[in-house]
Amino acid sequence: MARYAELLRSETAATLLHTLITKMEIINVQENFLKISKSYIETPAKADILHAATCLQTNAVLISDDHHFNTIRDKGIIKTWSTTEAIKKLLQ
């Protein structure tokens, strides 16, 4: 997001980035959540595993249209929403 704000160099992009950063919480993901997530993620991409593990550890909803998260969703390990679903739910 910071790279986009830098590329766009607009007040709107800077405001958006600032708003996101102030609402973020940095999570140190514990190893056990990484191991659980790795066993359900259908790709070796470390970012996907970390994303799922963070959601598992914090009981957060994972928002993605990536099919690599289908198994972990279908098994009920974490809740996932598509981008469209997230927008609809957040605008209710």
N, C-alpha and C. Protein backbone atom coordinates (compact mmCIF):
# COMPACT_ATOMS: atom_id res chain seq x y z
N MET A 1 0.83 -1.18 0.00
CA MET A 1 0.00 0.00 0.00
C MET A 1 0.88 1.25 0.00
N ALA A 2 1.96 1.19 0.72
CA ALA A 2 2.86 2.35 0.78
C ALA A 2 3.45 2.64 -0.59
N ARG A 3 3.78 1.60 -1.34
CA ARG A 3 4.32 1.81 -2.69
C ARG A 3 3.30 2.48 -3.60
N TYR A 4 2.02 2.06 -3.49
CA TYR A 4 0.97 2.69 -4.29
C TYR A 4 0.80 4.16 -3.92
N ALA A 5 0.80 4.45 -2.63
CA ALA A 5 0.67 5.83 -2.18
C ALA A 5 1.83 6.67 -2.69
N GLU A 6 3.01 6.07 -2.71
CA GLU A 6 4.18 6.79 -3.20
C GLU A 6 4.08 7.02 -4.70
N LEU A 7 3.63 6.02 -5.44
CA LEU A 7 3.48 6.16 -6.89
C LEU A 7 2.39 7.16 -7.26
N LEU A 8 1.29 7.12 -6.55
CA LEU A 8 0.16 7.99 -6.87
C LEU A 8 0.38 9.43 -6.40
N ARG A 9 1.11 9.60 -5.32
CA ARG A 9 1.44 10.92 -4.78
C ARG A 9 0.23 11.85 -4.75
N SER A 10 -0.82 11.35 -4.13
CA SER A 10 -2.02 12.17 -4.00
C SER A 10 -2.41 12.25 -2.53
N GLU A 11 -3.17 13.25 -2.21
CA GLU A 11 -3.64 13.41 -0.83
C GLU A 11 -4.55 12.25 -0.44
N THR A 12 -5.36 11.79 -1.38
CA THR A 12 -6.27 10.66 -1.11
C THR A 12 -5.49 9.40 -0.79
N ALA A 13 -4.46 9.11 -1.59
CA ALA A 13 -3.64 7.91 -1.35
C ALA A 13 -2.94 8.01 0.00
N ALA A 14 -2.42 9.17 0.33
CA ALA A 14 -1.74 9.34 1.62
C ALA A 14 -2.72 9.18 2.78
N THR A 15 -3.90 9.72 2.64
CA THR A 15 -4.92 9.59 3.70
C THR A 15 -5.33 8.14 3.88
N LEU A 16 -5.54 7.46 2.76
CA LEU A 16 -5.92 6.04 2.82
C LEU A 16 -4.84 5.23 3.53
N LEU A 17 -3.59 5.44 3.15
CA LEU A 17 -2.48 4.71 3.76
C LEU A 17 -2.41 5.01 5.26
N HIS A 18 -2.51 6.27 5.62
CA HIS A 18 -2.46 6.65 7.03
C HIS A 18 -3.58 5.97 7.82
N THR A 19 -4.78 5.96 7.26
CA THR A 19 -5.92 5.33 7.93
C THR A 19 -5.69 3.85 8.13
N LEU A 20 -5.18 3.18 7.10
CA LEU A 20 -4.89 1.74 7.22
C LEU A 20 -3.84 1.47 8.29
N ILE A 21 -2.78 2.24 8.27
CA ILE A 21 -1.69 2.03 9.22
C ILE A 21 -2.16 2.23 10.66
N THR A 22 -3.00 3.22 10.89
CA THR A 22 -3.46 3.48 12.26
C THR A 22 -4.40 2.38 12.77
N LYS A 23 -4.97 1.61 11.86
CA LYS A 23 -5.88 0.54 12.26
C LYS A 23 -5.19 -0.83 12.30
N MET A 24 -3.93 -0.90 11.88
CA MET A 24 -3.20 -2.16 11.85
C MET A 24 -2.71 -2.56 13.22
N GLU A 25 -2.60 -3.87 13.38
CA GLU A 25 -1.98 -4.42 14.58
C GLU A 25 -0.92 -5.41 14.10
N ILE A 26 0.30 -5.24 14.54
CA ILE A 26 1.39 -6.13 14.15
C ILE A 26 1.28 -7.40 15.00
N ILE A 27 1.29 -8.54 14.33
CA ILE A 27 1.14 -9.84 14.99
C ILE A 27 2.42 -10.66 14.79
N ASN A 28 2.94 -11.17 15.87
CA ASN A 28 4.03 -12.15 15.79
C ASN A 28 3.37 -13.52 15.80
N VAL A 29 3.33 -14.14 14.64
CA VAL A 29 2.62 -15.41 14.50
C VAL A 29 3.40 -16.53 15.17
N GLN A 30 2.71 -17.28 16.01
CA GLN A 30 3.33 -18.39 16.71
C GLN A 30 3.50 -19.59 15.78
N GLU A 31 4.55 -20.34 16.03
CA GLU A 31 4.92 -21.47 15.17
C GLU A 31 3.80 -22.49 15.00
N ASN A 32 3.05 -22.77 16.06
CA ASN A 32 2.00 -23.78 15.95
C ASN A 32 0.92 -23.37 14.94
N PHE A 33 0.61 -22.08 14.84
CA PHE A 33 -0.37 -21.62 13.86
C PHE A 33 0.18 -21.71 12.44
N LEU A 34 1.48 -21.49 12.29
CA LEU A 34 2.11 -21.66 10.99
C LEU A 34 2.06 -23.11 10.53
N LYS A 35 2.35 -24.03 11.45
CA LYS A 35 2.34 -25.46 11.11
C LYS A 35 0.93 -25.92 10.72
N ILE A 36 -0.07 -25.49 11.47
CA ILE A 36 -1.45 -25.86 11.15
C ILE A 36 -1.82 -25.33 9.78
N SER A 37 -1.55 -24.07 9.54
CA SER A 37 -1.91 -23.45 8.26
C SER A 37 -1.19 -24.11 7.10
N LYS A 38 0.09 -24.39 7.28
CA LYS A 38 0.88 -25.01 6.21
C LYS A 38 0.29 -26.35 5.79
N SER A 39 -0.30 -27.07 6.72
CA SER A 39 -0.85 -28.39 6.38
C SER A 39 -2.15 -28.28 5.57
N TYR A 40 -2.76 -27.11 5.52
CA TYR A 40 -4.01 -26.93 4.77
C TYR A 40 -3.89 -26.04 3.54
N ILE A 41 -2.80 -25.34 3.40
CA ILE A 41 -2.62 -24.43 2.27
C ILE A 41 -2.06 -25.20 1.09
N GLU A 42 -2.67 -25.01 -0.07
CA GLU A 42 -2.33 -25.79 -1.26
C GLU A 42 -1.25 -25.14 -2.12
N THR A 43 -0.41 -24.33 -1.52
CA THR A 43 0.70 -23.72 -2.23
C THR A 43 1.86 -23.56 -1.26
N PRO A 44 3.08 -23.62 -1.74
CA PRO A 44 4.22 -23.42 -0.85
C PRO A 44 4.51 -21.94 -0.58
N ALA A 45 3.68 -21.03 -1.08
CA ALA A 45 3.92 -19.59 -0.90
C ALA A 45 3.89 -19.23 0.59
N LYS A 46 5.00 -18.75 1.08
CA LYS A 46 5.10 -18.41 2.50
C LYS A 46 4.13 -17.31 2.89
N ALA A 47 3.86 -16.39 1.99
CA ALA A 47 2.93 -15.29 2.30
C ALA A 47 1.52 -15.83 2.54
N ASP A 48 1.10 -16.82 1.76
CA ASP A 48 -0.23 -17.41 1.94
C ASP A 48 -0.33 -18.13 3.29
N ILE A 49 0.71 -18.84 3.63
CA ILE A 49 0.74 -19.57 4.90
C ILE A 49 0.72 -18.59 6.07
N LEU A 50 1.49 -17.54 5.96
CA LEU A 50 1.53 -16.52 7.01
C LEU A 50 0.19 -15.81 7.14
N HIS A 51 -0.42 -15.50 6.01
CA HIS A 51 -1.73 -14.84 6.01
C HIS A 51 -2.76 -15.71 6.73
N ALA A 52 -2.82 -16.98 6.38
CA ALA A 52 -3.77 -17.90 7.02
C ALA A 52 -3.45 -18.08 8.50
N ALA A 53 -2.18 -18.21 8.84
CA ALA A 53 -1.78 -18.41 10.24
C ALA A 53 -2.14 -17.20 11.09
N THR A 54 -1.98 -16.02 10.54
CA THR A 54 -2.33 -14.80 11.26
C THR A 54 -3.82 -14.78 11.55
N CYS A 55 -4.62 -15.13 10.55
CA CYS A 55 -6.08 -15.18 10.73
C CYS A 55 -6.47 -16.24 11.75
N LEU A 56 -5.81 -17.38 11.70
CA LEU A 56 -6.10 -18.45 12.64
C LEU A 56 -5.77 -18.01 14.07
N GLN A 57 -4.61 -17.43 14.26
CA GLN A 57 -4.17 -17.01 15.59
C GLN A 57 -5.06 -15.91 16.16
N THR A 58 -5.53 -15.01 15.32
CA THR A 58 -6.29 -13.85 15.81
C THR A 58 -7.79 -14.02 15.63
N ASN A 59 -8.21 -15.16 15.09
CA ASN A 59 -9.62 -15.42 14.82
C ASN A 59 -10.21 -14.37 13.88
N ALA A 60 -9.41 -13.98 12.89
CA ALA A 60 -9.83 -12.98 11.91
C ALA A 60 -10.32 -13.67 10.64
N VAL A 61 -11.09 -12.95 9.86
CA VAL A 61 -11.57 -13.45 8.58
C VAL A 61 -10.50 -13.17 7.53
N LEU A 62 -10.18 -14.18 6.73
CA LEU A 62 -9.23 -14.03 5.65
C LEU A 62 -10.01 -13.58 4.41
N ILE A 63 -9.64 -12.47 3.83
CA ILE A 63 -10.33 -11.96 2.64
C ILE A 63 -9.41 -12.16 1.45
N SER A 64 -9.85 -13.02 0.53
CA SER A 64 -9.04 -13.34 -0.64
C SER A 64 -9.88 -14.08 -1.67
N ASP A 65 -9.53 -13.89 -2.91
CA ASP A 65 -10.15 -14.66 -4.00
C ASP A 65 -9.24 -15.81 -4.44
N ASP A 66 -8.16 -16.01 -3.72
CA ASP A 66 -7.17 -17.04 -4.05
C ASP A 66 -7.70 -18.43 -3.68
N HIS A 67 -7.74 -19.31 -4.66
CA HIS A 67 -8.26 -20.67 -4.44
C HIS A 67 -7.36 -21.53 -3.54
N HIS A 68 -6.15 -21.06 -3.26
CA HIS A 68 -5.25 -21.82 -2.39
C HIS A 68 -5.78 -21.93 -0.96
N PHE A 69 -6.73 -21.09 -0.63
CA PHE A 69 -7.30 -21.10 0.72
C PHE A 69 -8.57 -21.95 0.81
N ASN A 70 -8.96 -22.60 -0.26
CA ASN A 70 -10.22 -23.37 -0.27
C ASN A 70 -10.24 -24.48 0.78
N THR A 71 -9.19 -25.25 0.89
CA THR A 71 -9.18 -26.39 1.82
C THR A 71 -9.27 -25.92 3.27
N ILE A 72 -8.48 -24.91 3.63
CA ILE A 72 -8.51 -24.43 5.02
C ILE A 72 -9.88 -23.83 5.34
N ARG A 73 -10.54 -23.26 4.34
CA ARG A 73 -11.90 -22.74 4.52
C ARG A 73 -12.89 -23.89 4.62
N ASP A 74 -12.82 -24.84 3.68
CA ASP A 74 -13.77 -25.95 3.63
C ASP A 74 -13.70 -26.83 4.87
N LYS A 75 -12.53 -26.94 5.46
CA LYS A 75 -12.36 -27.74 6.69
C LYS A 75 -12.80 -26.96 7.93
N GLY A 76 -13.15 -25.70 7.77
CA GLY A 76 -13.61 -24.90 8.89
C GLY A 76 -12.51 -24.43 9.82
N ILE A 77 -11.28 -24.43 9.34
CA ILE A 77 -10.15 -24.01 10.17
C ILE A 77 -10.17 -22.49 10.35
N ILE A 78 -10.38 -21.77 9.27
CA ILE A 78 -10.54 -20.32 9.33
C ILE A 78 -11.70 -19.92 8.44
N LYS A 79 -12.27 -18.77 8.75
CA LYS A 79 -13.35 -18.23 7.93
C LYS A 79 -12.72 -17.40 6.82
N THR A 80 -13.19 -17.60 5.59
CA THR A 80 -12.70 -16.79 4.48
C THR A 80 -13.87 -16.15 3.75
N TRP A 81 -13.63 -14.97 3.25
CA TRP A 81 -14.59 -14.26 2.41
C TRP A 81 -13.91 -13.89 1.11
N SER A 82 -14.66 -13.96 0.01
CA SER A 82 -14.15 -13.43 -1.24
C SER A 82 -14.15 -11.91 -1.13
N THR A 83 -13.48 -11.24 -2.03
CA THR A 83 -13.46 -9.79 -2.02
C THR A 83 -14.87 -9.23 -2.15
N THR A 84 -15.65 -9.79 -3.06
CA THR A 84 -17.02 -9.35 -3.27
C THR A 84 -17.85 -9.54 -2.01
N GLU A 85 -17.70 -10.71 -1.39
CA GLU A 85 -18.44 -11.01 -0.16
C GLU A 85 -18.05 -10.04 0.95
N ALA A 86 -16.77 -9.73 1.07
CA ALA A 86 -16.29 -8.82 2.11
C ALA A 86 -16.88 -7.42 1.91
N ILE A 87 -16.87 -6.95 0.69
CA ILE A 87 -17.42 -5.62 0.41
C ILE A 87 -18.89 -5.57 0.76
N LYS A 88 -19.63 -6.59 0.35
CA LYS A 88 -21.06 -6.63 0.65
C LYS A 88 -21.32 -6.65 2.16
N LYS A 89 -20.56 -7.49 2.89
CA LYS A 89 -20.76 -7.60 4.34
C LYS A 89 -20.35 -6.33 5.07
N LEU A 90 -19.28 -5.72 4.62
CA LEU A 90 -18.79 -4.52 5.31
C LEU A 90 -19.65 -3.29 5.01
N LEU A 91 -20.39 -3.33 3.93
CA LEU A 91 -21.26 -2.19 3.58
C LEU A 91 -22.67 -2.34 4.14
N GLN A 92 -22.97 -3.43 4.80
CA GLN A 92 -24.31 -3.65 5.36
C GLN A 92 -24.57 -2.73 6.52
